[in-house]
Amino acid sequence: MNILVHEQGGIRSIHSQADFDSYCLDKKIITAAGGLVFNQHKELLMIFRRGHWDLPKGKVDPGETWEECAIREVIEETGITNLELIKFITTTYHTYEHNGSIILKPSHWFLMKTTSNQMLIPQREEDITEVKWVALSEISNHAEQSFGTIRDLLQLNELFT
C-alpha cells in the first residue's frame, strides 16, 4: 500500500492501512468522484475553475455510487451527456482547510468517453468559467496550471494509449 496525499506543504506518503487510519482521525472526509472524458478525436474534457485547469468532479451524495456521482458531476459541470463509463482509474487524495477544519478529499476517477458534439456549458455556480476539449499535444500545457492530483492523473500513460 502506498497512498500519496497532496497537502499544502507537499506530498505525504502513507504506507499502511493503520497509518492511513491514524492520519484520518483528525480530518473531515469528503468523498468525491469524477471523470477523465475523451471524445472521438481523443481530446480530453477540462474545466477552468478558480485559476486552475481541472477535471470535472464533485462530492458523492448519500446513497450514490462513485460511478453515479462521476457521471452526474461531469454532466452538471460541463453540460455533456451521452457518457460511457469505461473503467475505474485510481483514487487521488488531497487536503485543504475549510472553516478551521482540515478536509481530506479522496477523489475516485473514472475513464469515460463520449461521441457528443453538444455545446459545452460551464457550471457558473461552481465557479467554472470555461470548459473545453484539449488536444493530447496541449494537455501538458494545461497540467502546468492545475493541481498536483490532476497533474498526477494526467501523467498516467495508460490513459493516452
N, C-alpha and C. Protein backbone atom coordinates (compact mmCIF):
# COMPACT_ATOMS: atom_id res chain seq x y z
N MET A 1 0.84 -1.17 0.00
CA MET A 1 0.00 0.00 0.00
C MET A 1 0.89 1.24 0.00
N ASN A 2 0.56 2.19 -0.86
CA ASN A 2 1.23 3.48 -0.87
C ASN A 2 0.23 4.54 -1.30
N ILE A 3 -0.21 5.34 -0.34
CA ILE A 3 -1.15 6.41 -0.63
C ILE A 3 -0.38 7.72 -0.60
N LEU A 4 -0.53 8.50 -1.66
CA LEU A 4 0.08 9.82 -1.72
C LEU A 4 -1.00 10.85 -1.45
N VAL A 5 -0.78 11.69 -0.44
CA VAL A 5 -1.74 12.72 -0.10
C VAL A 5 -1.10 14.07 -0.41
N HIS A 6 -1.75 14.83 -1.28
CA HIS A 6 -1.28 16.17 -1.61
C HIS A 6 -1.78 17.11 -0.52
N GLU A 7 -0.81 17.66 0.24
CA GLU A 7 -1.10 18.63 1.29
C GLU A 7 -0.54 19.98 0.87
N GLN A 8 -0.92 21.03 1.58
CA GLN A 8 -0.41 22.35 1.23
C GLN A 8 1.11 22.41 1.26
N GLY A 9 1.74 21.70 2.19
CA GLY A 9 3.19 21.75 2.32
C GLY A 9 3.94 20.76 1.45
N GLY A 10 3.24 19.93 0.71
CA GLY A 10 3.91 18.94 -0.13
C GLY A 10 3.12 17.65 -0.18
N ILE A 11 3.81 16.57 -0.49
CA ILE A 11 3.16 15.27 -0.64
C ILE A 11 3.56 14.38 0.53
N ARG A 12 2.58 13.77 1.16
CA ARG A 12 2.82 12.82 2.25
C ARG A 12 2.57 11.42 1.69
N SER A 13 3.49 10.52 1.96
CA SER A 13 3.36 9.13 1.53
C SER A 13 3.00 8.27 2.75
N ILE A 14 1.92 7.52 2.63
CA ILE A 14 1.44 6.66 3.71
C ILE A 14 1.50 5.22 3.24
N HIS A 15 2.12 4.35 4.06
CA HIS A 15 2.45 3.01 3.59
C HIS A 15 1.64 1.86 4.18
N SER A 16 0.76 2.14 5.13
CA SER A 16 -0.04 1.04 5.69
C SER A 16 -1.45 1.52 6.00
N GLN A 17 -2.36 0.59 6.06
CA GLN A 17 -3.75 0.93 6.38
C GLN A 17 -3.84 1.52 7.78
N ALA A 18 -3.06 0.99 8.72
CA ALA A 18 -3.07 1.52 10.09
C ALA A 18 -2.60 2.97 10.12
N ASP A 19 -1.54 3.28 9.36
CA ASP A 19 -1.05 4.66 9.30
C ASP A 19 -2.08 5.58 8.64
N PHE A 20 -2.75 5.08 7.61
CA PHE A 20 -3.78 5.88 6.94
C PHE A 20 -4.95 6.13 7.88
N ASP A 21 -5.39 5.10 8.60
CA ASP A 21 -6.48 5.26 9.56
C ASP A 21 -6.12 6.30 10.61
N SER A 22 -4.90 6.25 11.11
CA SER A 22 -4.43 7.21 12.11
C SER A 22 -4.38 8.62 11.52
N TYR A 23 -3.92 8.73 10.26
CA TYR A 23 -3.84 10.02 9.58
C TYR A 23 -5.22 10.67 9.45
N CYS A 24 -6.24 9.86 9.25
CA CYS A 24 -7.61 10.36 9.03
C CYS A 24 -8.31 10.82 10.30
N LEU A 25 -7.81 10.44 11.46
CA LEU A 25 -8.53 10.67 12.72
C LEU A 25 -8.92 12.12 12.97
N ASP A 26 -8.07 13.08 12.64
CA ASP A 26 -8.36 14.49 12.93
C ASP A 26 -8.84 15.26 11.70
N LYS A 27 -9.31 14.54 10.69
CA LYS A 27 -9.74 15.17 9.45
C LYS A 27 -11.19 14.82 9.13
N LYS A 28 -11.86 15.76 8.49
CA LYS A 28 -13.19 15.50 7.96
C LYS A 28 -13.01 14.92 6.56
N ILE A 29 -13.67 13.82 6.27
CA ILE A 29 -13.54 13.16 4.97
C ILE A 29 -14.71 13.58 4.08
N ILE A 30 -14.40 14.09 2.91
CA ILE A 30 -15.41 14.41 1.89
C ILE A 30 -15.04 13.63 0.64
N THR A 31 -15.83 12.62 0.33
CA THR A 31 -15.55 11.74 -0.80
C THR A 31 -16.11 12.35 -2.09
N ALA A 32 -15.32 12.28 -3.14
CA ALA A 32 -15.71 12.83 -4.44
C ALA A 32 -15.45 11.80 -5.53
N ALA A 33 -16.03 12.05 -6.69
CA ALA A 33 -15.78 11.22 -7.87
C ALA A 33 -15.85 12.11 -9.11
N GLY A 34 -15.11 11.70 -10.13
CA GLY A 34 -15.09 12.50 -11.35
C GLY A 34 -14.62 11.69 -12.53
N GLY A 35 -14.51 12.39 -13.66
CA GLY A 35 -14.19 11.69 -14.88
C GLY A 35 -13.12 12.34 -15.72
N LEU A 36 -12.34 11.48 -16.36
CA LEU A 36 -11.46 11.88 -17.44
C LEU A 36 -12.21 11.46 -18.70
N VAL A 37 -12.75 12.45 -19.40
CA VAL A 37 -13.65 12.20 -20.52
C VAL A 37 -12.92 12.51 -21.82
N PHE A 38 -12.92 11.55 -22.73
CA PHE A 38 -12.32 11.74 -24.05
C PHE A 38 -13.42 11.69 -25.11
N ASN A 39 -13.24 12.50 -26.16
CA ASN A 39 -14.18 12.46 -27.28
C ASN A 39 -13.59 11.61 -28.41
N GLN A 40 -14.31 11.57 -29.52
CA GLN A 40 -13.89 10.73 -30.65
C GLN A 40 -12.60 11.22 -31.30
N HIS A 41 -12.17 12.44 -30.98
CA HIS A 41 -10.91 12.99 -31.51
C HIS A 41 -9.76 12.80 -30.52
N LYS A 42 -10.00 12.02 -29.45
CA LYS A 42 -9.03 11.76 -28.39
C LYS A 42 -8.61 13.04 -27.67
N GLU A 43 -9.56 13.97 -27.55
CA GLU A 43 -9.34 15.19 -26.79
C GLU A 43 -9.93 14.98 -25.39
N LEU A 44 -9.31 15.61 -24.40
CA LEU A 44 -9.71 15.48 -23.01
C LEU A 44 -10.57 16.67 -22.60
N LEU A 45 -11.66 16.40 -21.91
CA LEU A 45 -12.56 17.44 -21.41
C LEU A 45 -11.97 18.03 -20.13
N MET A 46 -11.71 19.35 -20.15
CA MET A 46 -11.16 20.02 -18.97
C MET A 46 -11.99 21.25 -18.63
N ILE A 47 -11.94 21.61 -17.35
CA ILE A 47 -12.67 22.79 -16.87
C ILE A 47 -11.67 23.76 -16.26
N PHE A 48 -12.02 25.05 -16.29
CA PHE A 48 -11.18 26.08 -15.66
C PHE A 48 -11.99 26.66 -14.51
N ARG A 49 -11.42 26.52 -13.29
CA ARG A 49 -12.12 26.94 -12.08
C ARG A 49 -11.11 27.57 -11.12
N ARG A 50 -11.44 28.76 -10.67
CA ARG A 50 -10.64 29.46 -9.65
C ARG A 50 -9.15 29.50 -9.99
N GLY A 51 -8.87 29.80 -11.26
CA GLY A 51 -7.48 29.99 -11.67
C GLY A 51 -6.70 28.73 -12.02
N HIS A 52 -7.38 27.58 -12.06
CA HIS A 52 -6.70 26.32 -12.36
C HIS A 52 -7.48 25.51 -13.39
N TRP A 53 -6.73 24.80 -14.24
CA TRP A 53 -7.35 23.80 -15.10
C TRP A 53 -7.60 22.56 -14.24
N ASP A 54 -8.74 21.97 -14.40
CA ASP A 54 -9.17 20.88 -13.54
C ASP A 54 -9.96 19.89 -14.38
N LEU A 55 -10.39 18.83 -13.73
CA LEU A 55 -11.26 17.83 -14.35
C LEU A 55 -12.58 17.83 -13.59
N PRO A 56 -13.68 17.53 -14.27
CA PRO A 56 -14.97 17.56 -13.58
C PRO A 56 -15.06 16.48 -12.51
N LYS A 57 -15.44 16.92 -11.30
CA LYS A 57 -15.61 16.01 -10.18
C LYS A 57 -16.43 16.72 -9.11
N GLY A 58 -16.94 15.96 -8.18
CA GLY A 58 -17.68 16.57 -7.09
C GLY A 58 -18.02 15.57 -6.01
N LYS A 59 -18.66 16.08 -4.99
CA LYS A 59 -18.99 15.32 -3.79
C LYS A 59 -20.02 14.22 -4.07
N VAL A 60 -19.76 13.05 -3.50
CA VAL A 60 -20.69 11.92 -3.61
C VAL A 60 -21.88 12.19 -2.69
N ASP A 61 -23.08 12.13 -3.24
CA ASP A 61 -24.29 12.32 -2.45
C ASP A 61 -24.64 11.05 -1.69
N PRO A 62 -25.37 11.17 -0.57
CA PRO A 62 -25.79 9.98 0.18
C PRO A 62 -26.56 9.00 -0.71
N GLY A 63 -26.19 7.72 -0.63
CA GLY A 63 -26.85 6.68 -1.42
C GLY A 63 -26.38 6.57 -2.85
N GLU A 64 -25.46 7.42 -3.25
CA GLU A 64 -24.97 7.45 -4.63
C GLU A 64 -23.68 6.63 -4.73
N THR A 65 -23.52 5.87 -5.81
CA THR A 65 -22.26 5.16 -6.04
C THR A 65 -21.23 6.13 -6.61
N TRP A 66 -19.97 5.73 -6.55
CA TRP A 66 -18.92 6.55 -7.14
C TRP A 66 -19.17 6.76 -8.63
N GLU A 67 -19.59 5.71 -9.31
CA GLU A 67 -19.84 5.79 -10.75
C GLU A 67 -20.97 6.78 -11.06
N GLU A 68 -22.06 6.68 -10.29
CA GLU A 68 -23.19 7.59 -10.49
C GLU A 68 -22.77 9.04 -10.25
N CYS A 69 -22.00 9.25 -9.21
CA CYS A 69 -21.52 10.59 -8.90
C CYS A 69 -20.64 11.13 -10.02
N ALA A 70 -19.70 10.33 -10.49
CA ALA A 70 -18.78 10.77 -11.53
C ALA A 70 -19.55 11.21 -12.78
N ILE A 71 -20.51 10.42 -13.20
CA ILE A 71 -21.30 10.77 -14.38
C ILE A 71 -22.12 12.03 -14.12
N ARG A 72 -22.78 12.10 -12.97
CA ARG A 72 -23.61 13.28 -12.64
C ARG A 72 -22.76 14.54 -12.63
N GLU A 73 -21.59 14.48 -12.01
CA GLU A 73 -20.74 15.67 -11.92
C GLU A 73 -20.24 16.13 -13.28
N VAL A 74 -19.87 15.19 -14.15
CA VAL A 74 -19.43 15.58 -15.49
C VAL A 74 -20.58 16.30 -16.21
N ILE A 75 -21.77 15.75 -16.12
CA ILE A 75 -22.93 16.37 -16.78
C ILE A 75 -23.19 17.76 -16.20
N GLU A 76 -23.22 17.87 -14.86
CA GLU A 76 -23.51 19.16 -14.21
C GLU A 76 -22.46 20.22 -14.51
N GLU A 77 -21.20 19.85 -14.47
CA GLU A 77 -20.14 20.84 -14.59
C GLU A 77 -19.79 21.22 -16.02
N THR A 78 -20.17 20.37 -17.00
CA THR A 78 -19.76 20.64 -18.38
C THR A 78 -20.91 20.70 -19.39
N GLY A 79 -22.07 20.16 -19.03
CA GLY A 79 -23.19 20.12 -19.97
C GLY A 79 -23.17 18.92 -20.90
N ILE A 80 -22.12 18.12 -20.86
CA ILE A 80 -22.01 16.96 -21.74
C ILE A 80 -22.85 15.80 -21.21
N THR A 81 -23.61 15.18 -22.09
CA THR A 81 -24.34 13.96 -21.75
C THR A 81 -23.86 12.87 -22.69
N ASN A 82 -24.58 11.78 -22.78
CA ASN A 82 -24.19 10.67 -23.65
C ASN A 82 -22.80 10.17 -23.29
N LEU A 83 -22.60 9.94 -21.99
CA LEU A 83 -21.30 9.47 -21.49
C LEU A 83 -21.28 7.96 -21.36
N GLU A 84 -20.17 7.37 -21.71
CA GLU A 84 -19.97 5.94 -21.50
C GLU A 84 -18.83 5.78 -20.49
N LEU A 85 -19.14 5.17 -19.36
CA LEU A 85 -18.12 4.92 -18.35
C LEU A 85 -17.33 3.68 -18.77
N ILE A 86 -16.03 3.81 -18.90
CA ILE A 86 -15.18 2.72 -19.38
C ILE A 86 -14.63 1.90 -18.22
N LYS A 87 -13.96 2.58 -17.25
CA LYS A 87 -13.36 1.84 -16.15
C LYS A 87 -12.92 2.80 -15.04
N PHE A 88 -12.76 2.23 -13.86
CA PHE A 88 -12.17 2.96 -12.74
C PHE A 88 -10.68 3.11 -13.02
N ILE A 89 -10.13 4.31 -12.72
CA ILE A 89 -8.71 4.55 -12.95
C ILE A 89 -7.92 4.47 -11.65
N THR A 90 -8.23 5.36 -10.72
CA THR A 90 -7.47 5.44 -9.47
C THR A 90 -8.20 6.35 -8.50
N THR A 91 -7.68 6.44 -7.29
CA THR A 91 -8.16 7.38 -6.29
C THR A 91 -7.01 8.31 -5.93
N THR A 92 -7.29 9.61 -5.94
CA THR A 92 -6.30 10.59 -5.51
C THR A 92 -6.76 11.16 -4.16
N TYR A 93 -5.81 11.72 -3.43
CA TYR A 93 -6.10 12.27 -2.11
C TYR A 93 -5.47 13.65 -2.00
N HIS A 94 -6.24 14.60 -1.49
CA HIS A 94 -5.66 15.90 -1.16
C HIS A 94 -6.36 16.49 0.06
N THR A 95 -5.66 17.41 0.71
CA THR A 95 -6.24 18.06 1.88
C THR A 95 -6.34 19.55 1.62
N TYR A 96 -7.25 20.17 2.35
CA TYR A 96 -7.38 21.63 2.35
C TYR A 96 -8.05 22.03 3.65
N GLU A 97 -7.97 23.31 3.97
CA GLU A 97 -8.58 23.80 5.19
C GLU A 97 -9.87 24.53 4.84
N HIS A 98 -10.91 24.29 5.64
CA HIS A 98 -12.20 24.96 5.45
C HIS A 98 -12.83 25.20 6.81
N ASN A 99 -13.09 26.46 7.13
CA ASN A 99 -13.70 26.84 8.41
C ASN A 99 -12.97 26.25 9.61
N GLY A 100 -11.65 26.26 9.56
CA GLY A 100 -10.85 25.78 10.68
C GLY A 100 -10.68 24.28 10.76
N SER A 101 -11.28 23.54 9.84
CA SER A 101 -11.14 22.08 9.82
C SER A 101 -10.24 21.66 8.67
N ILE A 102 -9.51 20.58 8.86
CA ILE A 102 -8.73 20.01 7.77
C ILE A 102 -9.61 18.96 7.08
N ILE A 103 -9.78 19.15 5.79
CA ILE A 103 -10.60 18.26 4.98
C ILE A 103 -9.67 17.34 4.20
N LEU A 104 -9.94 16.05 4.23
CA LEU A 104 -9.26 15.07 3.38
C LEU A 104 -10.27 14.66 2.31
N LYS A 105 -9.87 14.85 1.07
CA LYS A 105 -10.78 14.56 -0.04
C LYS A 105 -10.22 13.43 -0.91
N PRO A 106 -10.73 12.21 -0.70
CA PRO A 106 -10.43 11.15 -1.67
C PRO A 106 -11.32 11.34 -2.89
N SER A 107 -10.71 11.38 -4.07
CA SER A 107 -11.45 11.54 -5.32
C SER A 107 -11.26 10.29 -6.17
N HIS A 108 -12.36 9.66 -6.52
CA HIS A 108 -12.34 8.42 -7.29
C HIS A 108 -12.56 8.78 -8.77
N TRP A 109 -11.60 8.39 -9.60
CA TRP A 109 -11.58 8.81 -11.00
C TRP A 109 -11.94 7.67 -11.94
N PHE A 110 -12.73 8.02 -12.96
CA PHE A 110 -13.19 7.06 -13.96
C PHE A 110 -12.87 7.56 -15.36
N LEU A 111 -12.45 6.63 -16.20
CA LEU A 111 -12.25 6.91 -17.61
C LEU A 111 -13.61 6.84 -18.30
N MET A 112 -13.92 7.87 -19.10
CA MET A 112 -15.19 7.93 -19.83
C MET A 112 -14.94 8.36 -21.26
N LYS A 113 -15.92 8.09 -22.10
CA LYS A 113 -15.85 8.62 -23.46
C LYS A 113 -17.23 9.08 -23.89
N THR A 114 -17.23 9.93 -24.89
CA THR A 114 -18.48 10.42 -25.46
C THR A 114 -18.28 10.68 -26.94
N THR A 115 -19.36 10.60 -27.68
CA THR A 115 -19.35 10.98 -29.09
C THR A 115 -20.19 12.24 -29.27
N SER A 116 -20.57 12.84 -28.17
CA SER A 116 -21.43 14.02 -28.19
C SER A 116 -20.70 15.22 -28.78
N ASN A 117 -21.44 15.98 -29.56
CA ASN A 117 -20.93 17.25 -30.09
C ASN A 117 -21.69 18.42 -29.45
N GLN A 118 -22.23 18.19 -28.26
CA GLN A 118 -23.02 19.21 -27.58
C GLN A 118 -22.17 20.43 -27.27
N MET A 119 -22.86 21.56 -27.13
CA MET A 119 -22.19 22.77 -26.68
C MET A 119 -21.77 22.57 -25.23
N LEU A 120 -20.56 22.97 -24.90
CA LEU A 120 -20.06 22.87 -23.54
C LEU A 120 -20.60 24.04 -22.71
N ILE A 121 -21.12 23.73 -21.52
CA ILE A 121 -21.74 24.74 -20.68
C ILE A 121 -21.10 24.71 -19.30
N PRO A 122 -20.27 25.71 -18.96
CA PRO A 122 -19.64 25.73 -17.64
C PRO A 122 -20.68 25.98 -16.54
N GLN A 123 -20.55 25.26 -15.44
CA GLN A 123 -21.45 25.42 -14.30
C GLN A 123 -20.96 26.62 -13.48
N ARG A 124 -21.51 27.78 -13.77
CA ARG A 124 -21.05 29.04 -13.17
C ARG A 124 -21.20 29.04 -11.65
N GLU A 125 -22.26 28.41 -11.12
CA GLU A 125 -22.45 28.42 -9.66
C GLU A 125 -21.36 27.63 -8.93
N GLU A 126 -20.58 26.85 -9.66
CA GLU A 126 -19.42 26.14 -9.09
C GLU A 126 -18.12 26.85 -9.48
N ASP A 127 -18.23 28.10 -9.91
CA ASP A 127 -17.08 28.94 -10.30
C ASP A 127 -16.33 28.40 -11.50
N ILE A 128 -16.98 27.62 -12.33
CA ILE A 128 -16.35 27.13 -13.56
C ILE A 128 -16.58 28.18 -14.64
N THR A 129 -15.51 28.72 -15.18
CA THR A 129 -15.62 29.79 -16.16
C THR A 129 -15.38 29.32 -17.59
N GLU A 130 -14.79 28.14 -17.74
CA GLU A 130 -14.52 27.63 -19.09
C GLU A 130 -14.52 26.12 -19.08
N VAL A 131 -15.05 25.54 -20.16
CA VAL A 131 -15.00 24.10 -20.40
C VAL A 131 -14.51 23.94 -21.83
N LYS A 132 -13.53 23.06 -22.02
CA LYS A 132 -13.05 22.88 -23.40
C LYS A 132 -12.44 21.50 -23.59
N TRP A 133 -12.40 21.11 -24.86
CA TRP A 133 -11.72 19.88 -25.26
C TRP A 133 -10.27 20.23 -25.51
N VAL A 134 -9.36 19.47 -24.91
CA VAL A 134 -7.93 19.75 -25.00
C VAL A 134 -7.27 18.62 -25.78
N ALA A 135 -6.56 18.99 -26.83
CA ALA A 135 -5.82 18.01 -27.64
C ALA A 135 -4.71 17.39 -26.80
N LEU A 136 -4.38 16.13 -27.10
CA LEU A 136 -3.32 15.44 -26.36
C LEU A 136 -2.03 16.25 -26.33
N SER A 137 -1.72 16.91 -27.43
CA SER A 137 -0.47 17.69 -27.52
C SER A 137 -0.49 18.92 -26.61
N GLU A 138 -1.66 19.32 -26.12
CA GLU A 138 -1.79 20.51 -25.28
C GLU A 138 -2.00 20.19 -23.79
N ILE A 139 -2.19 18.92 -23.47
CA ILE A 139 -2.51 18.55 -22.09
C ILE A 139 -1.41 18.97 -21.12
N SER A 140 -0.15 18.79 -21.50
CA SER A 140 0.94 19.15 -20.57
C SER A 140 0.94 20.64 -20.28
N ASN A 141 0.57 21.48 -21.25
CA ASN A 141 0.49 22.92 -21.01
C ASN A 141 -0.59 23.24 -19.98
N HIS A 142 -1.72 22.57 -20.07
CA HIS A 142 -2.81 22.79 -19.12
C HIS A 142 -2.46 22.21 -17.75
N ALA A 143 -1.72 21.11 -17.74
CA ALA A 143 -1.34 20.48 -16.47
C ALA A 143 -0.47 21.41 -15.63
N GLU A 144 0.32 22.25 -16.28
CA GLU A 144 1.18 23.19 -15.56
C GLU A 144 0.36 24.14 -14.69
N GLN A 145 -0.88 24.39 -15.10
CA GLN A 145 -1.74 25.32 -14.37
C GLN A 145 -2.88 24.55 -13.69
N SER A 146 -2.54 23.38 -13.15
CA SER A 146 -3.56 22.57 -12.47
C SER A 146 -3.02 22.12 -11.11
N PHE A 147 -3.84 21.44 -10.36
CA PHE A 147 -3.47 20.96 -9.04
C PHE A 147 -2.60 19.72 -9.14
N GLY A 148 -1.86 19.42 -8.07
CA GLY A 148 -0.95 18.27 -8.06
C GLY A 148 -1.63 16.95 -8.36
N THR A 149 -2.80 16.75 -7.79
CA THR A 149 -3.51 15.48 -8.05
C THR A 149 -3.90 15.35 -9.52
N ILE A 150 -4.26 16.47 -10.15
CA ILE A 150 -4.63 16.44 -11.57
C ILE A 150 -3.39 16.17 -12.41
N ARG A 151 -2.27 16.80 -12.07
CA ARG A 151 -1.01 16.53 -12.79
C ARG A 151 -0.66 15.04 -12.68
N ASP A 152 -0.82 14.47 -11.47
CA ASP A 152 -0.55 13.04 -11.29
C ASP A 152 -1.42 12.20 -12.23
N LEU A 153 -2.69 12.51 -12.28
CA LEU A 153 -3.61 11.76 -13.16
C LEU A 153 -3.20 11.87 -14.62
N LEU A 154 -2.84 13.08 -15.03
CA LEU A 154 -2.51 13.31 -16.43
C LEU A 154 -1.19 12.68 -16.83
N GLN A 155 -0.42 12.20 -15.87
CA GLN A 155 0.84 11.52 -16.16
C GLN A 155 0.67 10.01 -16.30
N LEU A 156 -0.55 9.52 -16.10
CA LEU A 156 -0.79 8.08 -16.24
C LEU A 156 -0.81 7.73 -17.73
N ASN A 157 0.25 7.09 -18.19
CA ASN A 157 0.40 6.76 -19.61
C ASN A 157 -0.73 5.91 -20.15
N GLU A 158 -1.30 5.06 -19.31
CA GLU A 158 -2.36 4.15 -19.78
C GLU A 158 -3.58 4.89 -20.31
N LEU A 159 -3.76 6.15 -19.92
CA LEU A 159 -4.93 6.91 -20.37
C LEU A 159 -4.81 7.35 -21.82
N PHE A 160 -3.61 7.45 -22.31
CA PHE A 160 -3.40 8.06 -23.61
C PHE A 160 -2.91 7.08 -24.67
N THR A 161 -3.10 5.79 -24.40
CA THR A 161 -2.67 4.79 -25.38
C THR A 161 -3.86 4.12 -26.00
